[in-house]
Amino acid sequence: MSYFVYFLQSLKNNDLYVGSTENVEQRLTLHNTGKVKSTKAYRPWKLVGFKECKSRSEATKQEKFFKTGQQKEILKKKYGLT
C-alpha cells in the first residue's frame, strides 16, 4: 500500500500545509470540510503537490522533514507561494 506526503495551499492566507495520508483526495476533503482542527480556520485548501512513499513510516519521516523551516521555504518557492 502506498502512502503520500501532500502539500496544501490555503487560499485564505496563502500558507503551506504539509501532511501525510493513504488517500490524498479524501484527506483534502477532510481539510476543506473543517474536519481537521489545525487547518479549519484557513479554508479553503488547494492541493499543490504530493510525493509517494513506500510505507507509513517513510511518509511520516518525509512529512517531518518537509515541515522544517528551511524545507518549508524551499517548498513555498517551488510552488510559487512566496
PDB file of N, CA and C in Angstrom:
ATOM      1  N   MET A   1       0.834  -1.185   0.000  1.00  0.00           N
ATOM      2  CA  MET A   1       0.000   0.000   0.000  1.00  0.00           C
ATOM      3  C   MET A   1       0.879   1.248   0.000  1.00  0.00           C
ATOM      4  N   SER A   2       0.460   2.236  -0.767  1.00  0.00           N
ATOM      5  CA  SER A   2       1.212   3.482  -0.854  1.00  0.00           C
ATOM      6  C   SER A   2       0.719   4.499   0.171  1.00  0.00           C
ATOM      7  N   TYR A   3       1.641   5.323   0.592  1.00  0.00           N
ATOM      8  CA  TYR A   3       1.347   6.453   1.460  1.00  0.00           C
ATOM      9  C   TYR A   3       1.908   7.683   0.778  1.00  0.00           C
ATOM     10  N   PHE A   4       1.397   8.831   1.156  1.00  0.00           N
ATOM     11  CA  PHE A   4       1.779  10.067   0.484  1.00  0.00           C
ATOM     12  C   PHE A   4       2.070  11.172   1.491  1.00  0.00           C
ATOM     13  N   VAL A   5       3.001  12.029   1.119  1.00  0.00           N
ATOM     14  CA  VAL A   5       3.194  13.312   1.785  1.00  0.00           C
ATOM     15  C   VAL A   5       2.560  14.316   0.831  1.00  0.00           C
ATOM     16  N   TYR A   6       1.681  15.176   1.357  1.00  0.00           N
ATOM     17  CA  TYR A   6       0.979  16.098   0.474  1.00  0.00           C
ATOM     18  C   TYR A   6       1.199  17.535   0.922  1.00  0.00           C
ATOM     19  N   PHE A   7       1.043  18.438  -0.024  1.00  0.00           N
ATOM     20  CA  PHE A   7       1.287  19.857   0.205  1.00  0.00           C
ATOM     21  C   PHE A   7       0.040  20.635  -0.205  1.00  0.00           C
ATOM     22  N   LEU A   8      -0.495  21.386   0.745  1.00  0.00           N
ATOM     23  CA  LEU A   8      -1.703  22.171   0.503  1.00  0.00           C
ATOM     24  C   LEU A   8      -1.402  23.660   0.627  1.00  0.00           C
ATOM     25  N   GLN A   9      -2.097  24.446  -0.168  1.00  0.00           N
ATOM     26  CA  GLN A   9      -2.015  25.901  -0.076  1.00  0.00           C
ATOM     27  C   GLN A   9      -3.347  26.425   0.426  1.00  0.00           C
ATOM     28  N   SER A  10      -3.295  27.270   1.449  1.00  0.00           N
ATOM     29  CA  SER A  10      -4.505  27.933   1.929  1.00  0.00           C
ATOM     30  C   SER A  10      -4.845  29.061   0.959  1.00  0.00           C
ATOM     31  N   LEU A  11      -6.063  29.052   0.447  1.00  0.00           N
ATOM     32  CA  LEU A  11      -6.487  30.132  -0.434  1.00  0.00           C
ATOM     33  C   LEU A  11      -6.920  31.358   0.365  1.00  0.00           C
ATOM     34  N   LYS A  12      -6.964  31.220   1.682  1.00  0.00           N
ATOM     35  CA  LYS A  12      -7.321  32.337   2.562  1.00  0.00           C
ATOM     36  C   LYS A  12      -6.102  33.195   2.893  1.00  0.00           C
ATOM     37  N   ASN A  13      -4.981  32.538   3.270  1.00  0.00           N
ATOM     38  CA  ASN A  13      -3.804  33.317   3.667  1.00  0.00           C
ATOM     39  C   ASN A  13      -2.516  32.890   2.961  1.00  0.00           C
ATOM     40  N   ASN A  14      -2.641  32.023   1.954  1.00  0.00           N
ATOM     41  CA  ASN A  14      -1.510  31.581   1.126  1.00  0.00           C
ATOM     42  C   ASN A  14      -0.499  30.721   1.883  1.00  0.00           C
ATOM     43  N   ASP A  15      -0.864  30.210   3.063  1.00  0.00           N
ATOM     44  CA  ASP A  15       0.044  29.388   3.850  1.00  0.00           C
ATOM     45  C   ASP A  15       0.203  28.007   3.221  1.00  0.00           C
ATOM     46  N   LEU A  16       1.281  27.333   3.591  1.00  0.00           N
ATOM     47  CA  LEU A  16       1.563  25.982   3.107  1.00  0.00           C
ATOM     48  C   LEU A  16       1.382  25.005   4.253  1.00  0.00           C
ATOM     49  N   TYR A  17       0.647  23.932   4.002  1.00  0.00           N
ATOM     50  CA  TYR A  17       0.447  22.871   4.988  1.00  0.00           C
ATOM     51  C   TYR A  17       1.023  21.582   4.433  1.00  0.00           C
ATOM     52  N   VAL A  18       1.733  20.837   5.277  1.00  0.00           N
ATOM     53  CA  VAL A  18       2.321  19.555   4.899  1.00  0.00           C
ATOM     54  C   VAL A  18       1.698  18.477   5.770  1.00  0.00           C
ATOM     55  N   GLY A  19       1.270  17.388   5.145  1.00  0.00           N
ATOM     56  CA  GLY A  19       0.687  16.274   5.881  1.00  0.00           C
ATOM     57  C   GLY A  19       1.003  14.958   5.203  1.00  0.00           C
ATOM     58  N   SER A  20       0.580  13.854   5.814  1.00  0.00           N
ATOM     59  CA  SER A  20       0.765  12.535   5.197  1.00  0.00           C
ATOM     60  C   SER A  20      -0.528  11.742   5.326  1.00  0.00           C
ATOM     61  N   THR A  21      -0.760  10.850   4.368  1.00  0.00           N
ATOM     62  CA  THR A  21      -2.007  10.104   4.314  1.00  0.00           C
ATOM     63  C   THR A  21      -1.901   8.919   3.364  1.00  0.00           C
ATOM     64  N   GLU A  22      -2.898   8.047   3.407  1.00  0.00           N
ATOM     65  CA  GLU A  22      -3.019   6.962   2.437  1.00  0.00           C
ATOM     66  C   GLU A  22      -3.828   7.416   1.226  1.00  0.00           C
ATOM     67  N   ASN A  23      -4.736   8.381   1.432  1.00  0.00           N
ATOM     68  CA  ASN A  23      -5.652   8.805   0.388  1.00  0.00           C
ATOM     69  C   ASN A  23      -5.672  10.339   0.327  1.00  0.00           C
ATOM     70  N   VAL A  24      -4.994  10.884  -0.655  1.00  0.00           N
ATOM     71  CA  VAL A  24      -4.834  12.338  -0.755  1.00  0.00           C
ATOM     72  C   VAL A  24      -6.176  13.037  -1.004  1.00  0.00           C
ATOM     73  N   GLU A  25      -6.984  12.522  -1.921  1.00  0.00           N
ATOM     74  CA  GLU A  25      -8.263  13.155  -2.237  1.00  0.00           C
ATOM     75  C   GLU A  25      -9.189  13.203  -1.018  1.00  0.00           C
ATOM     76  N   GLN A  26      -9.258  12.098  -0.300  1.00  0.00           N
ATOM     77  CA  GLN A  26     -10.108  12.039   0.894  1.00  0.00           C
ATOM     78  C   GLN A  26      -9.607  13.002   1.968  1.00  0.00           C
ATOM     79  N   ARG A  27      -8.297  13.067   2.128  1.00  0.00           N
ATOM     80  CA  ARG A  27      -7.719  13.953   3.142  1.00  0.00           C
ATOM     81  C   ARG A  27      -7.977  15.419   2.793  1.00  0.00           C
ATOM     82  N   LEU A  28      -7.874  15.765   1.505  1.00  0.00           N
ATOM     83  CA  LEU A  28      -8.163  17.137   1.072  1.00  0.00           C
ATOM     84  C   LEU A  28      -9.611  17.496   1.396  1.00  0.00           C
ATOM     85  N   THR A  29     -10.522  16.565   1.181  1.00  0.00           N
ATOM     86  CA  THR A  29     -11.933  16.782   1.506  1.00  0.00           C
ATOM     87  C   THR A  29     -12.107  17.045   2.999  1.00  0.00           C
ATOM     88  N   LEU A  30     -11.406  16.279   3.835  1.00  0.00           N
ATOM     89  CA  LEU A  30     -11.486  16.493   5.281  1.00  0.00           C
ATOM     90  C   LEU A  30     -10.991  17.888   5.661  1.00  0.00           C
ATOM     91  N   HIS A  31      -9.896  18.330   5.041  1.00  0.00           N
ATOM     92  CA  HIS A  31      -9.380  19.679   5.315  1.00  0.00           C
ATOM     93  C   HIS A  31     -10.404  20.738   4.911  1.00  0.00           C
ATOM     94  N   ASN A  32     -10.998  20.572   3.741  1.00  0.00           N
ATOM     95  CA  ASN A  32     -11.898  21.604   3.213  1.00  0.00           C
ATOM     96  C   ASN A  32     -13.285  21.593   3.846  1.00  0.00           C
ATOM     97  N   THR A  33     -13.650  20.516   4.539  1.00  0.00           N
ATOM     98  CA  THR A  33     -14.948  20.486   5.220  1.00  0.00           C
ATOM     99  C   THR A  33     -14.817  20.835   6.698  1.00  0.00           C
ATOM    100  N   GLY A  34     -13.618  21.216   7.132  1.00  0.00           N
ATOM    101  CA  GLY A  34     -13.414  21.665   8.501  1.00  0.00           C
ATOM    102  C   GLY A  34     -13.258  20.545   9.519  1.00  0.00           C
ATOM    103  N   LYS A  35     -12.999  19.346   9.066  1.00  0.00           N
ATOM    104  CA  LYS A  35     -12.865  18.207   9.971  1.00  0.00           C
ATOM    105  C   LYS A  35     -11.456  18.054  10.551  1.00  0.00           C
ATOM    106  N   VAL A  36     -10.507  18.878  10.101  1.00  0.00           N
ATOM    107  CA  VAL A  36      -9.141  18.868  10.634  1.00  0.00           C
ATOM    108  C   VAL A  36      -8.974  20.155  11.439  1.00  0.00           C
ATOM    109  N   LYS A  37      -8.876  19.987  12.747  1.00  0.00           N
ATOM    110  CA  LYS A  37      -8.867  21.135  13.660  1.00  0.00           C
ATOM    111  C   LYS A  37      -7.769  22.153  13.336  1.00  0.00           C
ATOM    112  N   SER A  38      -6.566  21.663  13.030  1.00  0.00           N
ATOM    113  CA  SER A  38      -5.433  22.571  12.824  1.00  0.00           C
ATOM    114  C   SER A  38      -5.536  23.399  11.544  1.00  0.00           C
ATOM    115  N   THR A  39      -6.372  22.998  10.590  1.00  0.00           N
ATOM    116  CA  THR A  39      -6.463  23.740   9.331  1.00  0.00           C
ATOM    117  C   THR A  39      -7.830  24.367   9.091  1.00  0.00           C
ATOM    118  N   LYS A  40      -8.749  24.138   9.993  1.00  0.00           N
ATOM    119  CA  LYS A  40     -10.132  24.582   9.819  1.00  0.00           C
ATOM    120  C   LYS A  40     -10.248  26.083   9.539  1.00  0.00           C
ATOM    121  N   ALA A  41      -9.499  26.881  10.262  1.00  0.00           N
ATOM    122  CA  ALA A  41      -9.604  28.339  10.147  1.00  0.00           C
ATOM    123  C   ALA A  41      -9.020  28.899   8.856  1.00  0.00           C
ATOM    124  N   TYR A  42      -8.282  28.099   8.108  1.00  0.00           N
ATOM    125  CA  TYR A  42      -7.575  28.609   6.926  1.00  0.00           C
ATOM    126  C   TYR A  42      -8.138  28.059   5.623  1.00  0.00           C
ATOM    127  N   ARG A  43      -9.355  27.524   5.673  1.00  0.00           N
ATOM    128  CA  ARG A  43     -10.014  27.004   4.482  1.00  0.00           C
ATOM    129  C   ARG A  43     -10.355  28.132   3.526  1.00  0.00           C
ATOM    130  N   PRO A  44     -10.480  27.843   2.240  1.00  0.00           N
ATOM    131  CA  PRO A  44     -10.314  26.559   1.556  1.00  0.00           C
ATOM    132  C   PRO A  44      -8.850  26.257   1.251  1.00  0.00           C
ATOM    133  N   TRP A  45      -8.597  24.975   1.000  1.00  0.00           N
ATOM    134  CA  TRP A  45      -7.256  24.480   0.691  1.00  0.00           C
ATOM    135  C   TRP A  45      -7.206  23.947  -0.733  1.00  0.00           C
ATOM    136  N   LYS A  46      -6.046  24.119  -1.351  1.00  0.00           N
ATOM    137  CA  LYS A  46      -5.814  23.610  -2.707  1.00  0.00           C
ATOM    138  C   LYS A  46      -4.604  22.682  -2.658  1.00  0.00           C
ATOM    139  N   LEU A  47      -4.720  21.511  -3.262  1.00  0.00           N
ATOM    140  CA  LEU A  47      -3.592  20.587  -3.350  1.00  0.00           C
ATOM    141  C   LEU A  47      -2.602  21.140  -4.366  1.00  0.00           C
ATOM    142  N   VAL A  48      -1.350  21.354  -3.923  1.00  0.00           N
ATOM    143  CA  VAL A  48      -0.335  21.863  -4.847  1.00  0.00           C
ATOM    144  C   VAL A  48       0.691  20.804  -5.220  1.00  0.00           C
ATOM    145  N   GLY A  49       0.737  19.703  -4.469  1.00  0.00           N
ATOM    146  CA  GLY A  49       1.666  18.636  -4.817  1.00  0.00           C
ATOM    147  C   GLY A  49       1.635  17.517  -3.797  1.00  0.00           C
ATOM    148  N   PHE A  50       2.241  16.405  -4.169  1.00  0.00           N
ATOM    149  CA  PHE A  50       2.371  15.280  -3.250  1.00  0.00           C
ATOM    150  C   PHE A  50       3.537  14.403  -3.683  1.00  0.00           C
ATOM    151  N   LYS A  51       3.990  13.576  -2.755  1.00  0.00           N
ATOM    152  CA  LYS A  51       5.103  12.669  -3.008  1.00  0.00           C
ATOM    153  C   LYS A  51       4.705  11.287  -2.495  1.00  0.00           C
ATOM    154  N   GLU A  52       4.859  10.276  -3.331  1.00  0.00           N
ATOM    155  CA  GLU A  52       4.511   8.913  -2.935  1.00  0.00           C
ATOM    156  C   GLU A  52       5.642   8.298  -2.119  1.00  0.00           C
ATOM    157  N   CYS A  53       5.282   7.564  -1.085  1.00  0.00           N
ATOM    158  CA  CYS A  53       6.237   6.869  -0.220  1.00  0.00           C
ATOM    159  C   CYS A  53       5.859   5.387  -0.152  1.00  0.00           C
ATOM    160  N   LYS A  54       6.816   4.543   0.187  1.00  0.00           N
ATOM    161  CA  LYS A  54       6.591   3.099   0.202  1.00  0.00           C
ATOM    162  C   LYS A  54       5.924   2.596   1.475  1.00  0.00           C
ATOM    163  N   SER A  55       6.015   3.363   2.555  1.00  0.00           N
ATOM    164  CA  SER A  55       5.459   2.912   3.831  1.00  0.00           C
ATOM    165  C   SER A  55       4.964   4.108   4.634  1.00  0.00           C
ATOM    166  N   ARG A  56       4.154   3.822   5.634  1.00  0.00           N
ATOM    167  CA  ARG A  56       3.658   4.883   6.516  1.00  0.00           C
ATOM    168  C   ARG A  56       4.819   5.548   7.255  1.00  0.00           C
ATOM    169  N   SER A  57       5.783   4.744   7.713  1.00  0.00           N
ATOM    170  CA  SER A  57       6.911   5.321   8.460  1.00  0.00           C
ATOM    171  C   SER A  57       7.750   6.236   7.568  1.00  0.00           C
ATOM    172  N   GLU A  58       7.936   5.859   6.304  1.00  0.00           N
ATOM    173  CA  GLU A  58       8.680   6.726   5.387  1.00  0.00           C
ATOM    174  C   GLU A  58       7.909   8.026   5.153  1.00  0.00           C
ATOM    175  N   ALA A  59       6.592   7.930   4.998  1.00  0.00           N
ATOM    176  CA  ALA A  59       5.773   9.128   4.785  1.00  0.00           C
ATOM    177  C   ALA A  59       5.847  10.058   5.995  1.00  0.00           C
ATOM    178  N   THR A  60       5.817   9.477   7.199  1.00  0.00           N
ATOM    179  CA  THR A  60       5.901  10.275   8.421  1.00  0.00           C
ATOM    180  C   THR A  60       7.246  10.975   8.524  1.00  0.00           C
ATOM    181  N   LYS A  61       8.318  10.267   8.189  1.00  0.00           N
ATOM    182  CA  LYS A  61       9.659  10.872   8.217  1.00  0.00           C
ATOM    183  C   LYS A  61       9.755  12.012   7.212  1.00  0.00           C
ATOM    184  N   GLN A  62       9.215  11.791   6.002  1.00  0.00           N
ATOM    185  CA  GLN A  62       9.252  12.828   4.979  1.00  0.00           C
ATOM    186  C   GLN A  62       8.414  14.043   5.395  1.00  0.00           C
ATOM    187  N   GLU A  63       7.268  13.783   6.006  1.00  0.00           N
ATOM    188  CA  GLU A  63       6.414  14.877   6.488  1.00  0.00           C
ATOM    189  C   GLU A  63       7.176  15.737   7.490  1.00  0.00           C
ATOM    190  N   LYS A  64       7.817  15.116   8.462  1.00  0.00           N
ATOM    191  CA  LYS A  64       8.586  15.860   9.463  1.00  0.00           C
ATOM    192  C   LYS A  64       9.715  16.640   8.816  1.00  0.00           C
ATOM    193  N   PHE A  65      10.376  16.033   7.823  1.00  0.00           N
ATOM    194  CA  PHE A  65      11.467  16.690   7.104  1.00  0.00           C
ATOM    195  C   PHE A  65      10.958  17.945   6.396  1.00  0.00           C
ATOM    196  N   PHE A  66       9.836  17.816   5.674  1.00  0.00           N
ATOM    197  CA  PHE A  66       9.313  18.953   4.915  1.00  0.00           C
ATOM    198  C   PHE A  66       8.733  20.040   5.810  1.00  0.00           C
ATOM    199  N   LYS A  67       8.411  19.720   7.049  1.00  0.00           N
ATOM    200  CA  LYS A  67       7.862  20.719   7.971  1.00  0.00           C
ATOM    201  C   LYS A  67       8.943  21.584   8.616  1.00  0.00           C
ATOM    202  N   THR A  68      10.213  21.247   8.430  1.00  0.00           N
ATOM    203  CA  THR A  68      11.268  22.094   8.977  1.00  0.00           C
ATOM    204  C   THR A  68      11.234  23.440   8.246  1.00  0.00           C
ATOM    205  N   GLY A  69      11.636  24.487   8.934  1.00  0.00           N
ATOM    206  CA  GLY A  69      11.571  25.829   8.373  1.00  0.00           C
ATOM    207  C   GLY A  69      12.241  25.986   7.033  1.00  0.00           C
ATOM    208  N   GLN A  70      13.455  25.465   6.911  1.00  0.00           N
ATOM    209  CA  GLN A  70      14.207  25.619   5.665  1.00  0.00           C
ATOM    210  C   GLN A  70      13.524  24.877   4.521  1.00  0.00           C
ATOM    211  N   GLN A  71      13.074  23.663   4.759  1.00  0.00           N
ATOM    212  CA  GLN A  71      12.415  22.888   3.711  1.00  0.00           C
ATOM    213  C   GLN A  71      11.075  23.491   3.322  1.00  0.00           C
ATOM    214  N   LYS A  72      10.363  24.018   4.294  1.00  0.00           N
ATOM    215  CA  LYS A  72       9.078  24.639   4.003  1.00  0.00           C
ATOM    216  C   LYS A  72       9.268  25.861   3.097  1.00  0.00           C
ATOM    217  N   GLU A  73      10.332  26.614   3.329  1.00  0.00           N
ATOM    218  CA  GLU A  73      10.624  27.766   2.475  1.00  0.00           C
ATOM    219  C   GLU A  73      10.973  27.321   1.058  1.00  0.00           C
ATOM    220  N   ILE A  74      11.708  26.230   0.930  1.00  0.00           N
ATOM    221  CA  ILE A  74      12.048  25.682  -0.392  1.00  0.00           C
ATOM    222  C   ILE A  74      10.768  25.252  -1.120  1.00  0.00           C
ATOM    223  N   LEU A  75       9.860  24.584  -0.391  1.00  0.00           N
ATOM    224  CA  LEU A  75       8.586  24.170  -0.999  1.00  0.00           C
ATOM    225  C   LEU A  75       7.765  25.370  -1.438  1.00  0.00           C
ATOM    226  N   LYS A  76       7.729  26.420  -0.622  1.00  0.00           N
ATOM    227  CA  LYS A  76       6.976  27.614  -0.968  1.00  0.00           C
ATOM    228  C   LYS A  76       7.494  28.212  -2.273  1.00  0.00           C
ATOM    229  N   LYS A  77       8.809  28.246  -2.436  1.00  0.00           N
ATOM    230  CA  LYS A  77       9.397  28.762  -3.680  1.00  0.00           C
ATOM    231  C   LYS A  77       9.072  27.851  -4.852  1.00  0.00           C
ATOM    232  N   LYS A  78       9.167  26.534  -4.621  1.00  0.00           N
ATOM    233  CA  LYS A  78       8.889  25.565  -5.682  1.00  0.00           C
ATOM    234  C   LYS A  78       7.472  25.700  -6.218  1.00  0.00           C
ATOM    235  N   TYR A  79       6.513  25.918  -5.314  1.00  0.00           N
ATOM    236  CA  TYR A  79       5.113  26.009  -5.706  1.00  0.00           C
ATOM    237  C   TYR A  79       4.625  27.455  -5.889  1.00  0.00           C
ATOM    238  N   GLY A  80       5.555  28.406  -5.874  1.00  0.00           N
ATOM    239  CA  GLY A  80       5.220  29.805  -6.112  1.00  0.00           C
ATOM    240  C   GLY A  80       4.348  30.446  -5.058  1.00  0.00           C
ATOM    241  N   LEU A  81       4.596  30.098  -3.787  1.00  0.00           N
ATOM    242  CA  LEU A  81       3.767  30.611  -2.685  1.00  0.00           C
ATOM    243  C   LEU A  81       4.440  31.728  -1.916  1.00  0.00           C
ATOM    244  N   THR A  82       5.559  32.219  -2.387  1.00  0.00           N
ATOM    245  CA  THR A  82       6.240  33.294  -1.659  1.00  0.00           C
ATOM    246  C   THR A  82       5.929  34.642  -2.257  1.00  0.00           C
TER     247      THR A  82
END
